Structures are given as structure tokens and as C-alpha cells.
Amino acid sequence: MEAMKAILVALGTFAMVAAGACGAAPAPAAGITIVLHEADAGKTVNARGGDTIRISLADSYPVPGSSLVWTVSSSPASVLEPGAVTRSPQVRSGPGRTDTYTADFQAASAGQAVLEAKGATTCEAMAKQSCPDRQFTITVVVTR
């Protein structure tokens, strides 16, 4: 029985060495998608290499001439690489309509990154101080 175990270990080791010699790399682990929202502002989130960090925010158009439109960036980009950015189509039915802004980031390397969300406002009928821009951050710690 011990001889059989030793043979199996030797075969497994040989297979790994042979694969390395042929240039084969182990398949990367499939990551998960972690979805974040404005309610996660100020939080620290843990992720693993290969995970997708998706931030989903509501652009809003509460009354004619006013809006809140989001953008999100990551620093450093070497830890969280920017990916796809989408906005759902606007519903052109008058005040109160919203879009969904979605930005994906790929956890590329171990480290810590900060997602910075900036909400630019317009308010034609009011002074800018009555509708200030909004912003928040979420810290993402990536491990391998």
C-alpha cells in the first residue's frame, strides 16, 4: 500500500514538472462578482485576485433641468483594473426618471485600492450650493 502511494505521488510530481516544462500554466481560478452600491460608502471590502468588483449607482433626473450623474475611478489601477462601464437607457417619461450606471473593475493584483465615486449635479433652477456634487469612496483589499 505504501509503495502504491509513493508511485502515485511520483507520477503526480512528474506530471506537474512535465506541464511546467511544456509551458502549461495552471488555469486561473474563476472569480466572483462583488456588487457594491452607494450604501457601501466608506466601507472596506475584501476580494481575491480574479474577482470582478461591480459598482452600481442610480443616475437621477428628479425635475427638468436637474440631474445627478455618476462616474467611478480606481486608484491604483494596477490593483483594480477598470473594465466595462454602462448606463441603462433613460426613460423619457418626465421628472423622476433614473438610469443605472454600472462600472466593473477586475481584481488584478494583491494590494489595496480605493474606488472613488463622483456624482456631478446640475440644477438649473437653483444655486449650485443648493445641489452640491456628491462623492464617496470604498476601499477594496485584494488578496491572492
N, C-alpha and C. Protein backbone atom coordinates (compact mmCIF):
# COMPACT_ATOMS: atom_id res chain seq x y z
N MET A 1 0.82 -1.19 0.00
CA MET A 1 0.00 0.00 0.00
C MET A 1 0.87 1.26 0.00
N GLU A 2 1.90 1.29 0.83
CA GLU A 2 2.81 2.44 0.87
C GLU A 2 3.54 2.59 -0.45
N ALA A 3 3.89 1.50 -1.08
CA ALA A 3 4.59 1.57 -2.36
C ALA A 3 3.68 2.20 -3.42
N MET A 4 2.37 1.87 -3.37
CA MET A 4 1.40 2.42 -4.33
C MET A 4 1.26 3.93 -4.12
N LYS A 5 1.21 4.39 -2.87
CA LYS A 5 1.12 5.82 -2.58
C LYS A 5 2.35 6.54 -3.10
N ALA A 6 3.52 5.96 -2.90
CA ALA A 6 4.76 6.57 -3.36
C ALA A 6 4.77 6.70 -4.88
N ILE A 7 4.27 5.68 -5.58
CA ILE A 7 4.21 5.72 -7.05
C ILE A 7 3.26 6.83 -7.51
N LEU A 8 2.09 6.95 -6.84
CA LEU A 8 1.11 7.98 -7.22
C LEU A 8 1.67 9.38 -6.98
N VAL A 9 2.37 9.57 -5.88
CA VAL A 9 2.98 10.88 -5.60
C VAL A 9 4.03 11.19 -6.66
N ALA A 10 4.84 10.20 -7.02
CA ALA A 10 5.87 10.40 -8.03
C ALA A 10 5.25 10.74 -9.38
N LEU A 11 4.18 10.05 -9.75
CA LEU A 11 3.51 10.33 -11.03
C LEU A 11 2.92 11.74 -11.03
N GLY A 12 2.31 12.14 -9.91
CA GLY A 12 1.74 13.49 -9.81
C GLY A 12 2.81 14.55 -9.94
N THR A 13 3.95 14.32 -9.28
CA THR A 13 5.06 15.26 -9.35
C THR A 13 5.60 15.33 -10.77
N PHE A 14 5.74 14.19 -11.42
CA PHE A 14 6.22 14.15 -12.79
C PHE A 14 5.28 14.92 -13.71
N ALA A 15 3.98 14.75 -13.53
CA ALA A 15 3.00 15.43 -14.38
C ALA A 15 3.10 16.95 -14.22
N MET A 16 3.28 17.42 -12.99
CA MET A 16 3.40 18.86 -12.76
C MET A 16 4.68 19.41 -13.38
N VAL A 17 5.80 18.68 -13.25
CA VAL A 17 7.07 19.12 -13.83
C VAL A 17 6.97 19.11 -15.35
N ALA A 18 6.36 18.09 -15.91
CA ALA A 18 6.24 18.00 -17.36
C ALA A 18 5.36 19.13 -17.90
N ALA A 19 4.30 19.43 -17.21
CA ALA A 19 3.42 20.53 -17.64
C ALA A 19 4.17 21.84 -17.61
N GLY A 20 4.96 22.06 -16.58
CA GLY A 20 5.75 23.29 -16.48
C GLY A 20 6.78 23.38 -17.58
N ALA A 21 7.41 22.26 -17.93
CA ALA A 21 8.41 22.24 -18.97
C ALA A 21 7.79 22.51 -20.34
N CYS A 22 6.53 22.18 -20.52
CA CYS A 22 5.84 22.39 -21.79
C CYS A 22 5.21 23.77 -21.87
N GLY A 23 5.41 24.58 -20.84
CA GLY A 23 4.87 25.93 -20.88
C GLY A 23 3.43 26.01 -20.40
N ALA A 24 2.86 24.93 -19.94
CA ALA A 24 1.48 24.97 -19.47
C ALA A 24 1.42 25.65 -18.12
N ALA A 25 0.48 26.52 -17.97
CA ALA A 25 0.28 27.21 -16.69
C ALA A 25 -1.01 26.72 -16.08
N PRO A 26 -1.08 26.69 -14.77
CA PRO A 26 -2.33 26.28 -14.16
C PRO A 26 -3.44 27.25 -14.54
N ALA A 27 -4.62 26.72 -14.72
CA ALA A 27 -5.76 27.55 -15.08
C ALA A 27 -6.08 28.50 -13.93
N PRO A 28 -6.31 29.78 -14.24
CA PRO A 28 -6.65 30.71 -13.17
C PRO A 28 -8.01 30.37 -12.58
N ALA A 29 -8.13 30.59 -11.30
CA ALA A 29 -9.39 30.33 -10.63
C ALA A 29 -10.42 31.36 -11.11
N ALA A 30 -11.62 30.87 -11.35
CA ALA A 30 -12.69 31.77 -11.75
C ALA A 30 -13.08 32.63 -10.56
N GLY A 31 -13.19 33.92 -10.79
CA GLY A 31 -13.54 34.83 -9.72
C GLY A 31 -15.04 35.00 -9.60
N ILE A 32 -15.43 35.69 -8.56
CA ILE A 32 -16.83 36.00 -8.34
C ILE A 32 -17.05 37.48 -8.64
N THR A 33 -18.29 37.90 -8.72
CA THR A 33 -18.63 39.31 -8.90
C THR A 33 -19.17 39.84 -7.59
N ILE A 34 -18.54 40.89 -7.10
CA ILE A 34 -18.97 41.56 -5.87
C ILE A 34 -19.65 42.85 -6.28
N VAL A 35 -20.93 42.99 -5.96
CA VAL A 35 -21.70 44.16 -6.37
C VAL A 35 -21.80 45.14 -5.20
N LEU A 36 -21.42 46.39 -5.48
CA LEU A 36 -21.43 47.45 -4.47
C LEU A 36 -22.39 48.55 -4.90
N HIS A 37 -22.92 49.27 -3.90
CA HIS A 37 -23.87 50.36 -4.13
C HIS A 37 -23.49 51.55 -3.27
N GLU A 38 -24.22 52.64 -3.41
CA GLU A 38 -23.95 53.83 -2.62
C GLU A 38 -24.04 53.54 -1.12
N ALA A 39 -24.85 52.58 -0.73
CA ALA A 39 -24.97 52.20 0.69
C ALA A 39 -23.66 51.64 1.24
N ASP A 40 -22.73 51.26 0.37
CA ASP A 40 -21.43 50.72 0.80
C ASP A 40 -20.37 51.81 0.98
N ALA A 41 -20.77 53.07 0.85
CA ALA A 41 -19.84 54.19 1.00
C ALA A 41 -19.10 54.10 2.33
N GLY A 42 -17.78 54.29 2.26
CA GLY A 42 -16.95 54.29 3.46
C GLY A 42 -16.54 52.91 3.95
N LYS A 43 -17.05 51.86 3.35
CA LYS A 43 -16.74 50.50 3.80
C LYS A 43 -15.43 50.01 3.19
N THR A 44 -14.91 48.94 3.80
CA THR A 44 -13.77 48.21 3.25
C THR A 44 -14.28 46.83 2.85
N VAL A 45 -13.97 46.43 1.62
CA VAL A 45 -14.45 45.18 1.05
C VAL A 45 -13.24 44.32 0.71
N ASN A 46 -13.34 43.02 0.97
CA ASN A 46 -12.26 42.09 0.64
C ASN A 46 -12.60 41.36 -0.66
N ALA A 47 -11.58 41.18 -1.50
CA ALA A 47 -11.75 40.47 -2.77
C ALA A 47 -10.51 39.61 -2.99
N ARG A 48 -10.62 38.70 -3.93
CA ARG A 48 -9.50 37.84 -4.31
C ARG A 48 -9.14 38.14 -5.76
N GLY A 49 -7.89 37.87 -6.10
CA GLY A 49 -7.46 38.05 -7.49
C GLY A 49 -8.40 37.32 -8.43
N GLY A 50 -8.79 37.97 -9.51
CA GLY A 50 -9.70 37.38 -10.48
C GLY A 50 -11.16 37.77 -10.25
N ASP A 51 -11.47 38.32 -9.07
CA ASP A 51 -12.85 38.75 -8.81
C ASP A 51 -13.16 40.00 -9.63
N THR A 52 -14.43 40.21 -9.91
CA THR A 52 -14.91 41.43 -10.53
C THR A 52 -15.61 42.25 -9.45
N ILE A 53 -15.23 43.50 -9.35
CA ILE A 53 -15.88 44.43 -8.43
C ILE A 53 -16.79 45.29 -9.31
N ARG A 54 -18.07 45.21 -9.07
CA ARG A 54 -19.05 45.97 -9.86
C ARG A 54 -19.70 47.00 -8.94
N ILE A 55 -19.69 48.25 -9.35
CA ILE A 55 -20.38 49.28 -8.59
C ILE A 55 -21.56 49.76 -9.43
N SER A 56 -22.72 49.75 -8.80
CA SER A 56 -23.96 50.09 -9.48
C SER A 56 -24.62 51.26 -8.74
N LEU A 57 -24.81 52.36 -9.46
CA LEU A 57 -25.35 53.58 -8.86
C LEU A 57 -26.50 54.12 -9.72
N ALA A 58 -27.38 54.87 -9.09
CA ALA A 58 -28.53 55.44 -9.80
C ALA A 58 -28.24 56.88 -10.20
N ASP A 59 -28.16 57.10 -11.54
CA ASP A 59 -28.19 58.46 -12.05
C ASP A 59 -29.65 58.90 -11.91
N SER A 60 -29.88 60.15 -11.53
CA SER A 60 -31.28 60.57 -11.37
C SER A 60 -31.52 61.92 -12.03
N TYR A 61 -32.76 62.11 -12.43
CA TYR A 61 -33.23 63.31 -13.10
C TYR A 61 -34.56 63.69 -12.44
N PRO A 62 -34.50 64.23 -11.21
CA PRO A 62 -35.72 64.41 -10.42
C PRO A 62 -36.72 65.41 -11.01
N VAL A 63 -36.25 66.52 -11.52
CA VAL A 63 -37.13 67.52 -12.14
C VAL A 63 -36.42 68.03 -13.39
N PRO A 64 -37.15 68.60 -14.34
CA PRO A 64 -36.50 69.14 -15.54
C PRO A 64 -35.39 70.13 -15.16
N GLY A 65 -34.23 69.99 -15.80
CA GLY A 65 -33.11 70.88 -15.56
C GLY A 65 -32.23 70.47 -14.39
N SER A 66 -32.49 69.31 -13.79
CA SER A 66 -31.63 68.84 -12.69
C SER A 66 -31.24 67.40 -12.92
N SER A 67 -30.05 67.05 -12.42
CA SER A 67 -29.59 65.68 -12.58
C SER A 67 -28.48 65.37 -11.59
N LEU A 68 -28.27 64.09 -11.40
CA LEU A 68 -27.13 63.55 -10.65
C LEU A 68 -26.57 62.43 -11.51
N VAL A 69 -25.33 62.58 -11.99
CA VAL A 69 -24.72 61.62 -12.90
C VAL A 69 -23.39 61.17 -12.31
N TRP A 70 -23.20 59.85 -12.19
CA TRP A 70 -22.03 59.27 -11.50
C TRP A 70 -20.92 58.87 -12.46
N THR A 71 -19.69 58.91 -11.93
CA THR A 71 -18.51 58.27 -12.54
C THR A 71 -17.72 57.65 -11.38
N VAL A 72 -17.00 56.57 -11.67
CA VAL A 72 -16.19 55.90 -10.64
C VAL A 72 -14.82 55.60 -11.22
N SER A 73 -13.78 55.84 -10.40
CA SER A 73 -12.42 55.51 -10.80
C SER A 73 -11.77 54.72 -9.68
N SER A 74 -10.64 54.07 -10.01
CA SER A 74 -9.90 53.26 -9.04
C SER A 74 -8.46 53.72 -8.98
N SER A 75 -7.92 53.69 -7.77
CA SER A 75 -6.52 54.04 -7.59
C SER A 75 -5.91 53.11 -6.55
N PRO A 76 -4.84 52.42 -6.86
CA PRO A 76 -4.15 52.36 -8.13
C PRO A 76 -4.83 51.37 -9.09
N ALA A 77 -4.74 51.68 -10.38
CA ALA A 77 -5.35 50.82 -11.40
C ALA A 77 -4.64 49.48 -11.52
N SER A 78 -3.43 49.37 -10.98
CA SER A 78 -2.71 48.09 -11.04
C SER A 78 -3.35 47.05 -10.12
N VAL A 79 -4.07 47.49 -9.09
CA VAL A 79 -4.76 46.56 -8.19
C VAL A 79 -6.16 46.26 -8.71
N LEU A 80 -6.91 47.29 -9.05
CA LEU A 80 -8.25 47.15 -9.64
C LEU A 80 -8.23 47.77 -11.03
N GLU A 81 -8.18 46.92 -12.05
CA GLU A 81 -8.15 47.42 -13.42
C GLU A 81 -9.55 47.80 -13.88
N PRO A 82 -9.70 48.99 -14.48
CA PRO A 82 -11.01 49.40 -14.98
C PRO A 82 -11.48 48.47 -16.10
N GLY A 83 -12.79 48.26 -16.13
CA GLY A 83 -13.39 47.42 -17.17
C GLY A 83 -14.55 48.13 -17.82
N ALA A 84 -15.61 47.39 -18.08
CA ALA A 84 -16.78 47.92 -18.78
C ALA A 84 -17.54 48.94 -17.93
N VAL A 85 -18.03 49.98 -18.60
CA VAL A 85 -18.89 50.98 -17.98
C VAL A 85 -20.15 51.06 -18.83
N THR A 86 -21.31 50.96 -18.17
CA THR A 86 -22.57 51.03 -18.91
C THR A 86 -23.56 51.93 -18.18
N ARG A 87 -24.49 52.46 -18.94
CA ARG A 87 -25.63 53.19 -18.40
C ARG A 87 -26.87 52.63 -19.08
N SER A 88 -27.89 52.35 -18.28
CA SER A 88 -29.14 51.89 -18.88
C SER A 88 -29.75 53.06 -19.65
N PRO A 89 -30.56 52.76 -20.65
CA PRO A 89 -31.18 53.86 -21.40
C PRO A 89 -32.14 54.65 -20.51
N GLN A 90 -32.16 55.96 -20.73
CA GLN A 90 -33.08 56.80 -19.97
C GLN A 90 -34.51 56.52 -20.40
N VAL A 91 -35.39 56.62 -19.44
CA VAL A 91 -36.82 56.55 -19.71
C VAL A 91 -37.28 57.99 -19.87
N ARG A 92 -37.71 58.36 -21.05
CA ARG A 92 -38.04 59.76 -21.35
C ARG A 92 -39.49 60.09 -21.00
N SER A 93 -39.88 59.79 -19.79
CA SER A 93 -41.28 59.99 -19.42
C SER A 93 -41.48 61.14 -18.44
N GLY A 94 -40.50 62.01 -18.30
CA GLY A 94 -40.69 63.16 -17.43
C GLY A 94 -39.92 63.06 -16.13
N PRO A 95 -40.21 63.96 -15.20
CA PRO A 95 -39.48 64.02 -13.93
C PRO A 95 -39.51 62.69 -13.18
N GLY A 96 -38.43 62.47 -12.44
CA GLY A 96 -38.35 61.26 -11.63
C GLY A 96 -37.70 60.09 -12.33
N ARG A 97 -37.23 60.27 -13.52
CA ARG A 97 -36.62 59.13 -14.23
C ARG A 97 -35.20 58.88 -13.72
N THR A 98 -34.74 57.66 -13.90
CA THR A 98 -33.39 57.29 -13.45
C THR A 98 -32.72 56.41 -14.50
N ASP A 99 -31.41 56.36 -14.44
CA ASP A 99 -30.59 55.43 -15.21
C ASP A 99 -29.80 54.62 -14.19
N THR A 100 -29.29 53.48 -14.61
CA THR A 100 -28.38 52.72 -13.75
C THR A 100 -26.99 52.80 -14.36
N TYR A 101 -26.06 53.37 -13.60
CA TYR A 101 -24.66 53.47 -14.00
C TYR A 101 -23.96 52.27 -13.38
N THR A 102 -23.22 51.51 -14.20
CA THR A 102 -22.50 50.34 -13.73
C THR A 102 -21.07 50.40 -14.22
N ALA A 103 -20.12 50.22 -13.30
CA ALA A 103 -18.70 50.19 -13.65
C ALA A 103 -18.09 48.92 -13.07
N ASP A 104 -17.37 48.18 -13.89
CA ASP A 104 -16.69 46.96 -13.46
C ASP A 104 -15.19 47.22 -13.32
N PHE A 105 -14.61 46.57 -12.31
CA PHE A 105 -13.17 46.61 -12.08
C PHE A 105 -12.72 45.18 -11.83
N GLN A 106 -11.57 44.81 -12.38
CA GLN A 106 -11.02 43.47 -12.22
C GLN A 106 -9.93 43.49 -11.16
N ALA A 107 -10.06 42.62 -10.15
CA ALA A 107 -9.02 42.50 -9.12
C ALA A 107 -7.82 41.83 -9.78
N ALA A 108 -6.80 42.63 -10.08
CA ALA A 108 -5.67 42.16 -10.89
C ALA A 108 -4.47 41.74 -10.08
N SER A 109 -4.22 42.41 -8.96
CA SER A 109 -3.05 42.05 -8.16
C SER A 109 -3.34 42.34 -6.69
N ALA A 110 -2.58 41.70 -5.84
CA ALA A 110 -2.77 41.88 -4.40
C ALA A 110 -2.43 43.32 -4.01
N GLY A 111 -3.19 43.85 -3.09
CA GLY A 111 -2.95 45.20 -2.61
C GLY A 111 -4.25 45.85 -2.18
N GLN A 112 -4.19 47.15 -2.01
CA GLN A 112 -5.35 47.91 -1.59
C GLN A 112 -5.62 49.01 -2.61
N ALA A 113 -6.88 49.16 -2.98
CA ALA A 113 -7.26 50.21 -3.92
C ALA A 113 -8.48 50.94 -3.37
N VAL A 114 -8.66 52.15 -3.84
CA VAL A 114 -9.81 52.95 -3.43
C VAL A 114 -10.65 53.24 -4.66
N LEU A 115 -11.94 52.89 -4.58
CA LEU A 115 -12.89 53.29 -5.60
C LEU A 115 -13.44 54.65 -5.20
N GLU A 116 -13.33 55.61 -6.10
CA GLU A 116 -13.83 56.94 -5.82
C GLU A 116 -15.01 57.23 -6.75
N ALA A 117 -16.19 57.40 -6.14
CA ALA A 117 -17.40 57.71 -6.90
C ALA A 117 -17.67 59.20 -6.81
N LYS A 118 -17.91 59.81 -7.97
CA LYS A 118 -18.21 61.24 -8.02
C LYS A 118 -19.55 61.43 -8.72
N GLY A 119 -20.45 62.08 -8.03
CA GLY A 119 -21.76 62.37 -8.59
C GLY A 119 -21.85 63.85 -8.93
N ALA A 120 -21.84 64.15 -10.22
CA ALA A 120 -21.94 65.54 -10.68
C ALA A 120 -23.41 65.92 -10.77
N THR A 121 -23.75 67.07 -10.19
CA THR A 121 -25.14 67.52 -10.21
C THR A 121 -25.29 68.73 -11.12
N THR A 122 -26.46 68.86 -11.69
CA THR A 122 -26.87 70.08 -12.37
C THR A 122 -28.20 70.49 -11.76
N CYS A 123 -28.41 71.75 -11.65
CA CYS A 123 -29.67 72.24 -11.09
C CYS A 123 -29.90 73.65 -11.62
N GLU A 124 -30.49 73.71 -12.79
CA GLU A 124 -30.65 74.98 -13.48
C GLU A 124 -31.51 75.98 -12.71
N ALA A 125 -32.47 75.50 -11.95
CA ALA A 125 -33.41 76.39 -11.27
C ALA A 125 -32.93 76.81 -9.89
N MET A 126 -31.77 76.27 -9.43
CA MET A 126 -31.30 76.57 -8.09
C MET A 126 -29.83 76.96 -8.13
N ALA A 127 -29.39 77.63 -7.07
CA ALA A 127 -27.98 77.93 -6.92
C ALA A 127 -27.22 76.62 -6.66
N LYS A 128 -25.99 76.55 -7.16
CA LYS A 128 -25.20 75.31 -7.03
C LYS A 128 -25.07 74.84 -5.59
N GLN A 129 -24.97 75.76 -4.61
CA GLN A 129 -24.84 75.33 -3.22
C GLN A 129 -26.09 74.60 -2.73
N SER A 130 -27.20 74.75 -3.43
CA SER A 130 -28.43 74.04 -3.05
C SER A 130 -28.44 72.60 -3.57
N CYS A 131 -27.56 72.31 -4.51
CA CYS A 131 -27.47 70.93 -5.02
C CYS A 131 -26.00 70.58 -5.26
N PRO A 132 -25.26 70.40 -4.16
CA PRO A 132 -23.81 70.14 -4.30
C PRO A 132 -23.53 68.79 -4.95
N ASP A 133 -22.35 68.71 -5.57
CA ASP A 133 -21.91 67.42 -6.10
C ASP A 133 -21.75 66.45 -4.94
N ARG A 134 -21.80 65.18 -5.25
CA ARG A 134 -21.67 64.15 -4.21
C ARG A 134 -20.45 63.29 -4.52
N GLN A 135 -19.86 62.73 -3.48
CA GLN A 135 -18.76 61.79 -3.68
C GLN A 135 -18.61 60.91 -2.46
N PHE A 136 -18.05 59.74 -2.71
CA PHE A 136 -17.74 58.81 -1.63
C PHE A 136 -16.69 57.84 -2.11
N THR A 137 -16.10 57.11 -1.17
CA THR A 137 -15.08 56.11 -1.51
C THR A 137 -15.45 54.77 -0.88
N ILE A 138 -14.92 53.73 -1.48
CA ILE A 138 -14.99 52.36 -0.96
C ILE A 138 -13.59 51.79 -1.11
N THR A 139 -13.04 51.23 -0.05
CA THR A 139 -11.71 50.63 -0.08
C THR A 139 -11.86 49.15 -0.42
N VAL A 140 -11.03 48.66 -1.32
CA VAL A 140 -11.05 47.24 -1.70
C VAL A 140 -9.66 46.65 -1.41
N VAL A 141 -9.62 45.61 -0.61
CA VAL A 141 -8.38 44.91 -0.30
C VAL A 141 -8.39 43.60 -1.09
N VAL A 142 -7.40 43.46 -1.98
CA VAL A 142 -7.32 42.28 -2.84
C VAL A 142 -6.21 41.36 -2.33
N THR A 143 -6.56 40.10 -2.13
CA THR A 143 -5.57 39.07 -1.79
C THR A 143 -5.49 38.07 -2.91
N ARG A 144 -4.43 37.35 -2.96
CA ARG A 144 -4.25 36.33 -4.00
C ARG A 144 -4.82 35.06 -3.57
